[in-house]
mmCIF file of all heavy atoms, coordinates in Angstrom:
data_MODEL
# 
_entry.id   MODEL 
# 
loop_
_atom_site.group_PDB 
_atom_site.id 
_atom_site.type_symbol 
_atom_site.label_atom_id 
_atom_site.label_alt_id 
_atom_site.label_comp_id 
_atom_site.label_asym_id 
_atom_site.label_entity_id 
_atom_site.label_seq_id 
_atom_site.pdbx_PDB_ins_code 
_atom_site.Cartn_x 
_atom_site.Cartn_y 
_atom_site.Cartn_z 
_atom_site.occupancy 
_atom_site.B_iso_or_equiv 
_atom_site.pdbx_formal_charge 
_atom_site.auth_seq_id 
_atom_site.auth_comp_id 
_atom_site.auth_asym_id 
_atom_site.auth_atom_id 
_atom_site.pdbx_PDB_model_num 
ATOM 1   N N   . GLU A 1 1  ? 6.675   8.842  28.600 1.00 0.00 ? 1  GLU A N   1 
ATOM 2   C CA  . GLU A 1 1  ? 7.214   9.221  29.908 1.00 0.00 ? 1  GLU A CA  1 
ATOM 3   C C   . GLU A 1 1  ? 6.188   8.960  31.007 1.00 0.00 ? 1  GLU A C   1 
ATOM 4   O O   . GLU A 1 1  ? 6.529   8.501  32.104 1.00 0.00 ? 1  GLU A O   1 
ATOM 5   C CB  . GLU A 1 1  ? 7.628   10.691 29.915 1.00 0.00 ? 1  GLU A CB  1 
ATOM 6   C CG  . GLU A 1 1  ? 8.277   11.115 31.236 1.00 0.00 ? 1  GLU A CG  1 
ATOM 7   C CD  . GLU A 1 1  ? 8.801   12.538 31.219 1.00 0.00 ? 1  GLU A CD  1 
ATOM 8   O OE1 . GLU A 1 1  ? 8.683   13.210 30.180 1.00 0.00 ? 1  GLU A OE1 1 
ATOM 9   O OE2 . GLU A 1 1  ? 9.336   12.968 32.257 1.00 0.00 ? 1  GLU A OE2 1 
ATOM 10  N N   . PHE A 1 2  ? 4.943   9.230  30.699 1.00 0.00 ? 2  PHE A N   1 
ATOM 11  C CA  . PHE A 1 2  ? 3.881   9.015  31.680 1.00 0.00 ? 2  PHE A CA  1 
ATOM 12  C C   . PHE A 1 2  ? 3.775   7.538  32.059 1.00 0.00 ? 2  PHE A C   1 
ATOM 13  O O   . PHE A 1 2  ? 3.647   7.197  33.237 1.00 0.00 ? 2  PHE A O   1 
ATOM 14  C CB  . PHE A 1 2  ? 2.557   9.520  31.113 1.00 0.00 ? 2  PHE A CB  1 
ATOM 15  C CG  . PHE A 1 2  ? 1.417   9.496  32.089 1.00 0.00 ? 2  PHE A CG  1 
ATOM 16  C CD1 . PHE A 1 2  ? 1.541   10.053 33.357 1.00 0.00 ? 2  PHE A CD1 1 
ATOM 17  C CD2 . PHE A 1 2  ? 0.201   8.930  31.743 1.00 0.00 ? 2  PHE A CD2 1 
ATOM 18  C CE1 . PHE A 1 2  ? 0.481   10.046 34.256 1.00 0.00 ? 2  PHE A CE1 1 
ATOM 19  C CE2 . PHE A 1 2  ? -0.862  8.909  32.629 1.00 0.00 ? 2  PHE A CE2 1 
ATOM 20  C CZ  . PHE A 1 2  ? -0.717  9.471  33.895 1.00 0.00 ? 2  PHE A CZ  1 
ATOM 21  N N   . LYS A 1 3  ? 3.843   6.655  31.089 1.00 0.00 ? 3  LYS A N   1 
ATOM 22  C CA  . LYS A 1 3  ? 3.768   5.224  31.373 1.00 0.00 ? 3  LYS A CA  1 
ATOM 23  C C   . LYS A 1 3  ? 4.929   4.782  32.266 1.00 0.00 ? 3  LYS A C   1 
ATOM 24  O O   . LYS A 1 3  ? 4.750   3.986  33.199 1.00 0.00 ? 3  LYS A O   1 
ATOM 25  C CB  . LYS A 1 3  ? 3.768   4.421  30.073 1.00 0.00 ? 3  LYS A CB  1 
ATOM 26  C CG  . LYS A 1 3  ? 2.464   4.513  29.297 1.00 0.00 ? 3  LYS A CG  1 
ATOM 27  C CD  . LYS A 1 3  ? 2.380   3.473  28.196 1.00 0.00 ? 3  LYS A CD  1 
ATOM 28  C CE  . LYS A 1 3  ? 3.361   3.751  27.084 1.00 0.00 ? 3  LYS A CE  1 
ATOM 29  N NZ  . LYS A 1 3  ? 3.186   2.820  25.951 1.00 0.00 ? 3  LYS A NZ  1 
ATOM 30  N N   . ARG A 1 4  ? 6.127   5.304  31.980 1.00 0.00 ? 4  ARG A N   1 
ATOM 31  C CA  . ARG A 1 4  ? 7.294   4.942  32.804 1.00 0.00 ? 4  ARG A CA  1 
ATOM 32  C C   . ARG A 1 4  ? 7.117   5.422  34.242 1.00 0.00 ? 4  ARG A C   1 
ATOM 33  O O   . ARG A 1 4  ? 7.456   4.707  35.197 1.00 0.00 ? 4  ARG A O   1 
ATOM 34  C CB  . ARG A 1 4  ? 8.576   5.533  32.205 1.00 0.00 ? 4  ARG A CB  1 
ATOM 35  C CG  . ARG A 1 4  ? 9.039   4.859  30.938 1.00 0.00 ? 4  ARG A CG  1 
ATOM 36  C CD  . ARG A 1 4  ? 10.494  5.158  30.652 1.00 0.00 ? 4  ARG A CD  1 
ATOM 37  N NE  . ARG A 1 4  ? 10.765  6.574  30.479 1.00 0.00 ? 4  ARG A NE  1 
ATOM 38  C CZ  . ARG A 1 4  ? 10.615  7.230  29.332 1.00 0.00 ? 4  ARG A CZ  1 
ATOM 39  N NH1 . ARG A 1 4  ? 10.162  6.603  28.260 1.00 0.00 ? 4  ARG A NH1 1 
ATOM 40  N NH2 . ARG A 1 4  ? 10.914  8.513  29.238 1.00 0.00 ? 4  ARG A NH2 1 
ATOM 41  N N   . ILE A 1 5  ? 6.576   6.627  34.393 1.00 0.00 ? 5  ILE A N   1 
ATOM 42  C CA  . ILE A 1 5  ? 6.360   7.181  35.733 1.00 0.00 ? 5  ILE A CA  1 
ATOM 43  C C   . ILE A 1 5  ? 5.438   6.281  36.546 1.00 0.00 ? 5  ILE A C   1 
ATOM 44  O O   . ILE A 1 5  ? 5.723   5.943  37.702 1.00 0.00 ? 5  ILE A O   1 
ATOM 45  C CB  . ILE A 1 5  ? 5.765   8.603  35.629 1.00 0.00 ? 5  ILE A CB  1 
ATOM 46  C CG1 . ILE A 1 5  ? 6.845   9.593  35.220 1.00 0.00 ? 5  ILE A CG1 1 
ATOM 47  C CG2 . ILE A 1 5  ? 5.121   9.029  36.947 1.00 0.00 ? 5  ILE A CG2 1 
ATOM 48  C CD1 . ILE A 1 5  ? 6.292   10.964 34.881 1.00 0.00 ? 5  ILE A CD1 1 
ATOM 49  N N   . VAL A 1 6  ? 4.314   5.887  35.952 1.00 0.00 ? 6  VAL A N   1 
ATOM 50  C CA  . VAL A 1 6  ? 3.360   5.041  36.666 1.00 0.00 ? 6  VAL A CA  1 
ATOM 51  C C   . VAL A 1 6  ? 4.001   3.712  37.045 1.00 0.00 ? 6  VAL A C   1 
ATOM 52  O O   . VAL A 1 6  ? 3.838   3.221  38.172 1.00 0.00 ? 6  VAL A O   1 
ATOM 53  C CB  . VAL A 1 6  ? 2.093   4.814  35.815 1.00 0.00 ? 6  VAL A CB  1 
ATOM 54  C CG1 . VAL A 1 6  ? 1.169   3.796  36.484 1.00 0.00 ? 6  VAL A CG1 1 
ATOM 55  C CG2 . VAL A 1 6  ? 1.349   6.136  35.616 1.00 0.00 ? 6  VAL A CG2 1 
ATOM 56  N N   . ALA A 1 7  ? 4.751   3.118  36.122 1.00 0.00 ? 7  ALA A N   1 
ATOM 57  C CA  . ALA A 1 7  ? 5.403   1.833  36.400 1.00 0.00 ? 7  ALA A CA  1 
ATOM 58  C C   . ALA A 1 7  ? 6.429   1.967  37.519 1.00 0.00 ? 7  ALA A C   1 
ATOM 59  O O   . ALA A 1 7  ? 6.536   1.091  38.391 1.00 0.00 ? 7  ALA A O   1 
ATOM 60  C CB  . ALA A 1 7  ? 6.059   1.297  35.126 1.00 0.00 ? 7  ALA A CB  1 
ATOM 61  N N   . ILE A 1 8  ? 7.188   3.048  37.517 1.00 0.00 ? 8  ILE A N   1 
ATOM 62  C CA  . ILE A 1 8  ? 8.212   3.243  38.554 1.00 0.00 ? 8  ILE A CA  1 
ATOM 63  C C   . ILE A 1 8  ? 7.561   3.477  39.918 1.00 0.00 ? 8  ILE A C   1 
ATOM 64  O O   . ILE A 1 8  ? 8.041   2.970  40.945 1.00 0.00 ? 8  ILE A O   1 
ATOM 65  C CB  . ILE A 1 8  ? 9.146   4.407  38.166 1.00 0.00 ? 8  ILE A CB  1 
ATOM 66  C CG1 . ILE A 1 8  ? 10.024  3.977  36.972 1.00 0.00 ? 8  ILE A CG1 1 
ATOM 67  C CG2 . ILE A 1 8  ? 10.027  4.824  39.341 1.00 0.00 ? 8  ILE A CG2 1 
ATOM 68  C CD1 . ILE A 1 8  ? 10.787  5.122  36.316 1.00 0.00 ? 8  ILE A CD1 1 
ATOM 69  N N   . ILE A 1 9  ? 6.466   4.227  39.944 1.00 0.00 ? 9  ILE A N   1 
ATOM 70  C CA  . ILE A 1 9  ? 5.749   4.412  41.214 1.00 0.00 ? 9  ILE A CA  1 
ATOM 71  C C   . ILE A 1 9  ? 5.261   3.072  41.740 1.00 0.00 ? 9  ILE A C   1 
ATOM 72  O O   . ILE A 1 9  ? 5.368   2.772  42.932 1.00 0.00 ? 9  ILE A O   1 
ATOM 73  C CB  . ILE A 1 9  ? 4.577   5.403  41.048 1.00 0.00 ? 9  ILE A CB  1 
ATOM 74  C CG1 . ILE A 1 9  ? 5.111   6.817  40.797 1.00 0.00 ? 9  ILE A CG1 1 
ATOM 75  C CG2 . ILE A 1 9  ? 3.689   5.401  42.292 1.00 0.00 ? 9  ILE A CG2 1 
ATOM 76  C CD1 . ILE A 1 9  ? 4.032   7.836  40.452 1.00 0.00 ? 9  ILE A CD1 1 
ATOM 77  N N   . ARG A 1 10 ? 4.715   2.237  40.857 1.00 0.00 ? 10 ARG A N   1 
ATOM 78  C CA  . ARG A 1 10 ? 4.253   0.915  41.293 1.00 0.00 ? 10 ARG A CA  1 
ATOM 79  C C   . ARG A 1 10 ? 5.395   0.096  41.889 1.00 0.00 ? 10 ARG A C   1 
ATOM 80  O O   . ARG A 1 10 ? 5.232   -0.570 42.917 1.00 0.00 ? 10 ARG A O   1 
ATOM 81  C CB  . ARG A 1 10 ? 3.612   0.178  40.103 1.00 0.00 ? 10 ARG A CB  1 
ATOM 82  C CG  . ARG A 1 10 ? 3.304   -1.286 40.317 1.00 0.00 ? 10 ARG A CG  1 
ATOM 83  C CD  . ARG A 1 10 ? 2.507   -1.572 41.593 1.00 0.00 ? 10 ARG A CD  1 
ATOM 84  N NE  . ARG A 1 10 ? 1.194   -0.973 41.550 1.00 0.00 ? 10 ARG A NE  1 
ATOM 85  C CZ  . ARG A 1 10 ? 0.633   -0.340 42.577 1.00 0.00 ? 10 ARG A CZ  1 
ATOM 86  N NH1 . ARG A 1 10 ? 1.270   -0.207 43.733 1.00 0.00 ? 10 ARG A NH1 1 
ATOM 87  N NH2 . ARG A 1 10 ? -0.570  0.180  42.488 1.00 0.00 ? 10 ARG A NH2 1 
ATOM 88  N N   . ILE A 1 11 ? 6.573   0.146  41.260 1.00 0.00 ? 11 ILE A N   1 
ATOM 89  C CA  . ILE A 1 11 ? 7.725   -0.599 41.763 1.00 0.00 ? 11 ILE A CA  1 
ATOM 90  C C   . ILE A 1 11 ? 8.190   -0.036 43.106 1.00 0.00 ? 11 ILE A C   1 
ATOM 91  O O   . ILE A 1 11 ? 8.539   -0.772 44.031 1.00 0.00 ? 11 ILE A O   1 
ATOM 92  C CB  . ILE A 1 11 ? 8.880   -0.556 40.737 1.00 0.00 ? 11 ILE A CB  1 
ATOM 93  C CG1 . ILE A 1 11 ? 8.500   -1.367 39.484 1.00 0.00 ? 11 ILE A CG1 1 
ATOM 94  C CG2 . ILE A 1 11 ? 10.173  -1.094 41.342 1.00 0.00 ? 11 ILE A CG2 1 
ATOM 95  C CD1 . ILE A 1 11 ? 9.464   -1.186 38.326 1.00 0.00 ? 11 ILE A CD1 1 
ATOM 96  N N   . ALA A 1 12 ? 8.181   1.296  43.228 1.00 0.00 ? 12 ALA A N   1 
ATOM 97  C CA  . ALA A 1 12 ? 8.721   1.951  44.426 1.00 0.00 ? 12 ALA A CA  1 
ATOM 98  C C   . ALA A 1 12 ? 7.818   1.787  45.639 1.00 0.00 ? 12 ALA A C   1 
ATOM 99  O O   . ALA A 1 12 ? 8.294   1.673  46.770 1.00 0.00 ? 12 ALA A O   1 
ATOM 100 C CB  . ALA A 1 12 ? 8.958   3.435  44.142 1.00 0.00 ? 12 ALA A CB  1 
ATOM 101 N N   . VAL A 1 13 ? 6.483   1.797  45.431 1.00 0.00 ? 13 VAL A N   1 
ATOM 102 C CA  . VAL A 1 13 ? 5.536   1.645  46.542 1.00 0.00 ? 13 VAL A CA  1 
ATOM 103 C C   . VAL A 1 13 ? 4.525   0.553  46.166 1.00 0.00 ? 13 VAL A C   1 
ATOM 104 O O   . VAL A 1 13 ? 3.389   0.847  45.785 1.00 0.00 ? 13 VAL A O   1 
ATOM 105 C CB  . VAL A 1 13 ? 4.831   2.978  46.896 1.00 0.00 ? 13 VAL A CB  1 
ATOM 106 C CG1 . VAL A 1 13 ? 5.747   3.876  47.709 1.00 0.00 ? 13 VAL A CG1 1 
ATOM 107 C CG2 . VAL A 1 13 ? 4.357   3.714  45.645 1.00 0.00 ? 13 VAL A CG2 1 
ATOM 108 N N   . PRO A 1 14 ? 4.929   -0.717 46.271 1.00 0.00 ? 14 PRO A N   1 
ATOM 109 C CA  . PRO A 1 14 ? 4.120   -1.828 45.757 1.00 0.00 ? 14 PRO A CA  1 
ATOM 110 C C   . PRO A 1 14 ? 2.718   -1.929 46.358 1.00 0.00 ? 14 PRO A C   1 
ATOM 111 O O   . PRO A 1 14 ? 1.794   -2.382 45.689 1.00 0.00 ? 14 PRO A O   1 
ATOM 112 C CB  . PRO A 1 14 ? 4.950   -3.065 46.126 1.00 0.00 ? 14 PRO A CB  1 
ATOM 113 C CG  . PRO A 1 14 ? 6.334   -2.570 46.319 1.00 0.00 ? 14 PRO A CG  1 
ATOM 114 C CD  . PRO A 1 14 ? 6.198   -1.180 46.837 1.00 0.00 ? 14 PRO A CD  1 
ATOM 115 N N   . PHE A 1 15 ? 2.560   -1.522 47.619 1.00 0.00 ? 15 PHE A N   1 
ATOM 116 C CA  . PHE A 1 15 ? 1.293   -1.758 48.318 1.00 0.00 ? 15 PHE A CA  1 
ATOM 117 C C   . PHE A 1 15 ? 0.382   -0.537 48.342 1.00 0.00 ? 15 PHE A C   1 
ATOM 118 O O   . PHE A 1 15 ? -0.655  -0.548 48.997 1.00 0.00 ? 15 PHE A O   1 
ATOM 119 C CB  . PHE A 1 15 ? 1.581   -2.230 49.742 1.00 0.00 ? 15 PHE A CB  1 
ATOM 120 C CG  . PHE A 1 15 ? 2.410   -3.487 49.777 1.00 0.00 ? 15 PHE A CG  1 
ATOM 121 C CD1 . PHE A 1 15 ? 3.779   -3.429 50.004 1.00 0.00 ? 15 PHE A CD1 1 
ATOM 122 C CD2 . PHE A 1 15 ? 1.824   -4.719 49.537 1.00 0.00 ? 15 PHE A CD2 1 
ATOM 123 C CE1 . PHE A 1 15 ? 4.546   -4.579 50.016 1.00 0.00 ? 15 PHE A CE1 1 
ATOM 124 C CE2 . PHE A 1 15 ? 2.581   -5.879 49.544 1.00 0.00 ? 15 PHE A CE2 1 
ATOM 125 C CZ  . PHE A 1 15 ? 3.950   -5.809 49.781 1.00 0.00 ? 15 PHE A CZ  1 
ATOM 126 N N   . THR A 1 16 ? 0.761   0.514  47.638 1.00 0.00 ? 16 THR A N   1 
ATOM 127 C CA  . THR A 1 16 ? -0.045  1.727  47.568 1.00 0.00 ? 16 THR A CA  1 
ATOM 128 C C   . THR A 1 16 ? -0.922  1.694  46.323 1.00 0.00 ? 16 THR A C   1 
ATOM 129 O O   . THR A 1 16 ? -0.434  1.417  45.229 1.00 0.00 ? 16 THR A O   1 
ATOM 130 C CB  . THR A 1 16 ? 0.867   2.973  47.526 1.00 0.00 ? 16 THR A CB  1 
ATOM 131 O OG1 . THR A 1 16 ? 1.628   3.028  48.728 1.00 0.00 ? 16 THR A OG1 1 
ATOM 132 C CG2 . THR A 1 16 ? 0.052   4.246  47.389 1.00 0.00 ? 16 THR A CG2 1 
ATOM 133 N N   . GLY A 1 17 ? -2.219  1.968  46.478 1.00 0.00 ? 17 GLY A N   1 
ATOM 134 C CA  . GLY A 1 17 ? -3.103  2.015  45.327 1.00 0.00 ? 17 GLY A CA  1 
ATOM 135 C C   . GLY A 1 17 ? -2.743  3.164  44.409 1.00 0.00 ? 17 GLY A C   1 
ATOM 136 O O   . GLY A 1 17 ? -2.353  4.236  44.872 1.00 0.00 ? 17 GLY A O   1 
ATOM 137 N N   . ILE A 1 18 ? -2.848  2.940  43.105 1.00 0.00 ? 18 ILE A N   1 
ATOM 138 C CA  . ILE A 1 18 ? -2.594  3.998  42.126 1.00 0.00 ? 18 ILE A CA  1 
ATOM 139 C C   . ILE A 1 18 ? -3.902  4.300  41.396 1.00 0.00 ? 18 ILE A C   1 
ATOM 140 O O   . ILE A 1 18 ? -4.542  3.400  40.853 1.00 0.00 ? 18 ILE A O   1 
ATOM 141 C CB  . ILE A 1 18 ? -1.495  3.613  41.127 1.00 0.00 ? 18 ILE A CB  1 
ATOM 142 C CG1 . ILE A 1 18 ? -0.160  3.387  41.859 1.00 0.00 ? 18 ILE A CG1 1 
ATOM 143 C CG2 . ILE A 1 18 ? -1.326  4.707  40.063 1.00 0.00 ? 18 ILE A CG2 1 
ATOM 144 C CD1 . ILE A 1 18 ? 0.985   2.999  40.944 1.00 0.00 ? 18 ILE A CD1 1 
ATOM 145 N N   . ILE A 1 19 ? -4.291  5.579  41.403 1.00 0.00 ? 19 ILE A N   1 
ATOM 146 C CA  . ILE A 1 19 ? -5.577  6.016  40.855 1.00 0.00 ? 19 ILE A CA  1 
ATOM 147 C C   . ILE A 1 19 ? -5.372  6.761  39.542 1.00 0.00 ? 19 ILE A C   1 
ATOM 148 O O   . ILE A 1 19 ? -4.525  7.653  39.454 1.00 0.00 ? 19 ILE A O   1 
ATOM 149 C CB  . ILE A 1 19 ? -6.306  6.935  41.846 1.00 0.00 ? 19 ILE A CB  1 
ATOM 150 C CG1 . ILE A 1 19 ? -6.580  6.188  43.172 1.00 0.00 ? 19 ILE A CG1 1 
ATOM 151 C CG2 . ILE A 1 19 ? -7.608  7.453  41.251 1.00 0.00 ? 19 ILE A CG2 1 
ATOM 152 C CD1 . ILE A 1 19 ? -7.187  7.066  44.251 1.00 0.00 ? 19 ILE A CD1 1 
ATOM 153 N N   . LEU A 1 20 ? -6.177  6.389  38.541 1.00 0.00 ? 20 LEU A N   1 
ATOM 154 C CA  . LEU A 1 20 ? -6.140  7.067  37.248 1.00 0.00 ? 20 LEU A CA  1 
ATOM 155 C C   . LEU A 1 20 ? -7.549  7.531  36.904 1.00 0.00 ? 20 LEU A C   1 
ATOM 156 O O   . LEU A 1 20 ? -8.496  6.740  36.920 1.00 0.00 ? 20 LEU A O   1 
ATOM 157 C CB  . LEU A 1 20 ? -5.624  6.114  36.166 1.00 0.00 ? 20 LEU A CB  1 
ATOM 158 C CG  . LEU A 1 20 ? -5.317  6.739  34.810 1.00 0.00 ? 20 LEU A CG  1 
ATOM 159 C CD1 . LEU A 1 20 ? -4.135  7.703  34.924 1.00 0.00 ? 20 LEU A CD1 1 
ATOM 160 C CD2 . LEU A 1 20 ? -4.999  5.663  33.781 1.00 0.00 ? 20 LEU A CD2 1 
ATOM 161 N N   . SER A 1 21 ? -7.681  8.818  36.593 1.00 0.00 ? 21 SER A N   1 
ATOM 162 C CA  . SER A 1 21 ? -9.006  9.389  36.334 1.00 0.00 ? 21 SER A CA  1 
ATOM 163 C C   . SER A 1 21 ? -9.322  9.405  34.851 1.00 0.00 ? 21 SER A C   1 
ATOM 164 O O   . SER A 1 21 ? -8.520  8.977  34.006 1.00 0.00 ? 21 SER A O   1 
ATOM 165 C CB  . SER A 1 21 ? -9.072  10.819 36.888 1.00 0.00 ? 21 SER A CB  1 
ATOM 166 O OG  . SER A 1 21 ? -8.369  11.695 36.010 1.00 0.00 ? 21 SER A OG  1 
ATOM 167 N N   . THR A 1 22 ? -10.504 9.937  34.522 1.00 0.00 ? 22 THR A N   1 
ATOM 168 C CA  . THR A 1 22 ? -10.919 10.057 33.129 1.00 0.00 ? 22 THR A CA  1 
ATOM 169 C C   . THR A 1 22 ? -10.254 11.233 32.423 1.00 0.00 ? 22 THR A C   1 
ATOM 170 O O   . THR A 1 22 ? -10.630 11.570 31.294 1.00 0.00 ? 22 THR A O   1 
ATOM 171 C CB  . THR A 1 22 ? -12.453 10.201 33.027 1.00 0.00 ? 22 THR A CB  1 
ATOM 172 O OG1 . THR A 1 22 ? -12.895 11.193 33.946 1.00 0.00 ? 22 THR A OG1 1 
ATOM 173 C CG2 . THR A 1 22 ? -13.147 8.884  33.328 1.00 0.00 ? 22 THR A CG2 1 
ATOM 174 N N   . ARG A 1 23 ? -9.274  11.867 33.066 1.00 0.00 ? 23 ARG A N   1 
ATOM 175 C CA  . ARG A 1 23 ? -8.422  12.814 32.337 1.00 0.00 ? 23 ARG A CA  1 
ATOM 176 C C   . ARG A 1 23 ? -7.747  12.094 31.171 1.00 0.00 ? 23 ARG A C   1 
ATOM 177 O O   . ARG A 1 23 ? -7.479  12.686 30.129 1.00 0.00 ? 23 ARG A O   1 
ATOM 178 C CB  . ARG A 1 23 ? -7.307  13.359 33.244 1.00 0.00 ? 23 ARG A CB  1 
ATOM 179 C CG  . ARG A 1 23 ? -7.713  14.387 34.272 1.00 0.00 ? 23 ARG A CG  1 
ATOM 180 C CD  . ARG A 1 23 ? -6.521  14.731 35.142 1.00 0.00 ? 23 ARG A CD  1 
ATOM 181 N NE  . ARG A 1 23 ? -6.836  15.643 36.211 1.00 0.00 ? 23 ARG A NE  1 
ATOM 182 C CZ  . ARG A 1 23 ? -6.608  16.949 36.208 1.00 0.00 ? 23 ARG A CZ  1 
ATOM 183 N NH1 . ARG A 1 23 ? -6.057  17.490 35.140 1.00 0.00 ? 23 ARG A NH1 1 
ATOM 184 N NH2 . ARG A 1 23 ? -6.925  17.710 37.231 1.00 0.00 ? 23 ARG A NH2 1 
ATOM 185 N N   . GLU A 1 24 ? -7.416  10.803 31.415 1.00 0.00 ? 24 GLU A N   1 
ATOM 186 C CA  . GLU A 1 24 ? -6.689  10.030 30.401 1.00 0.00 ? 24 GLU A CA  1 
ATOM 187 C C   . GLU A 1 24 ? -7.645  9.354  29.429 1.00 0.00 ? 24 GLU A C   1 
ATOM 188 O O   . GLU A 1 24 ? -8.776  9.036  29.762 1.00 0.00 ? 24 GLU A O   1 
ATOM 189 C CB  . GLU A 1 24 ? -5.795  8.993  31.073 1.00 0.00 ? 24 GLU A CB  1 
ATOM 190 C CG  . GLU A 1 24 ? -4.702  9.576  31.932 1.00 0.00 ? 24 GLU A CG  1 
ATOM 191 C CD  . GLU A 1 24 ? -3.733  10.454 31.148 1.00 0.00 ? 24 GLU A CD  1 
ATOM 192 O OE1 . GLU A 1 24 ? -3.528  10.198 29.933 1.00 0.00 ? 24 GLU A OE1 1 
ATOM 193 O OE2 . GLU A 1 24 ? -3.183  11.403 31.742 1.00 0.00 ? 24 GLU A OE2 1 
ATOM 194 N N   . SER A 1 25 ? -7.139  9.114  28.231 1.00 0.00 ? 25 SER A N   1 
ATOM 195 C CA  . SER A 1 25 ? -7.942  8.482  27.191 1.00 0.00 ? 25 SER A CA  1 
ATOM 196 C C   . SER A 1 25 ? -8.207  7.024  27.537 1.00 0.00 ? 25 SER A C   1 
ATOM 197 O O   . SER A 1 25 ? -7.521  6.411  28.363 1.00 0.00 ? 25 SER A O   1 
ATOM 198 C CB  . SER A 1 25 ? -7.215  8.553  25.845 1.00 0.00 ? 25 SER A CB  1 
ATOM 199 O OG  . SER A 1 25 ? -6.061  7.727  25.865 1.00 0.00 ? 25 SER A OG  1 
ATOM 200 N N   . GLU A 1 26 ? -9.194  6.482  26.856 1.00 0.00 ? 26 GLU A N   1 
ATOM 201 C CA  . GLU A 1 26 ? -9.520  5.071  27.004 1.00 0.00 ? 26 GLU A CA  1 
ATOM 202 C C   . GLU A 1 26 ? -8.295  4.197  26.732 1.00 0.00 ? 26 GLU A C   1 
ATOM 203 O O   . GLU A 1 26 ? -8.003  3.255  27.463 1.00 0.00 ? 26 GLU A O   1 
ATOM 204 C CB  . GLU A 1 26 ? -10.650 4.795  26.010 1.00 0.00 ? 26 GLU A CB  1 
ATOM 205 C CG  . GLU A 1 26 ? -11.013 3.422  25.718 1.00 0.00 ? 26 GLU A CG  1 
ATOM 206 C CD  . GLU A 1 26 ? -12.164 3.330  24.708 1.00 0.00 ? 26 GLU A CD  1 
ATOM 207 O OE1 . GLU A 1 26 ? -12.890 4.305  24.478 1.00 0.00 ? 26 GLU A OE1 1 
ATOM 208 O OE2 . GLU A 1 26 ? -12.309 2.234  24.170 1.00 0.00 ? 26 GLU A OE2 1 
# 
């Protein structure tokens, strides 16, 4: 679900940077 969310955000706001922290695994 998390992967789908990130992909949909990218599609919805193409020119906005998306930040991912070290909360997530390698």
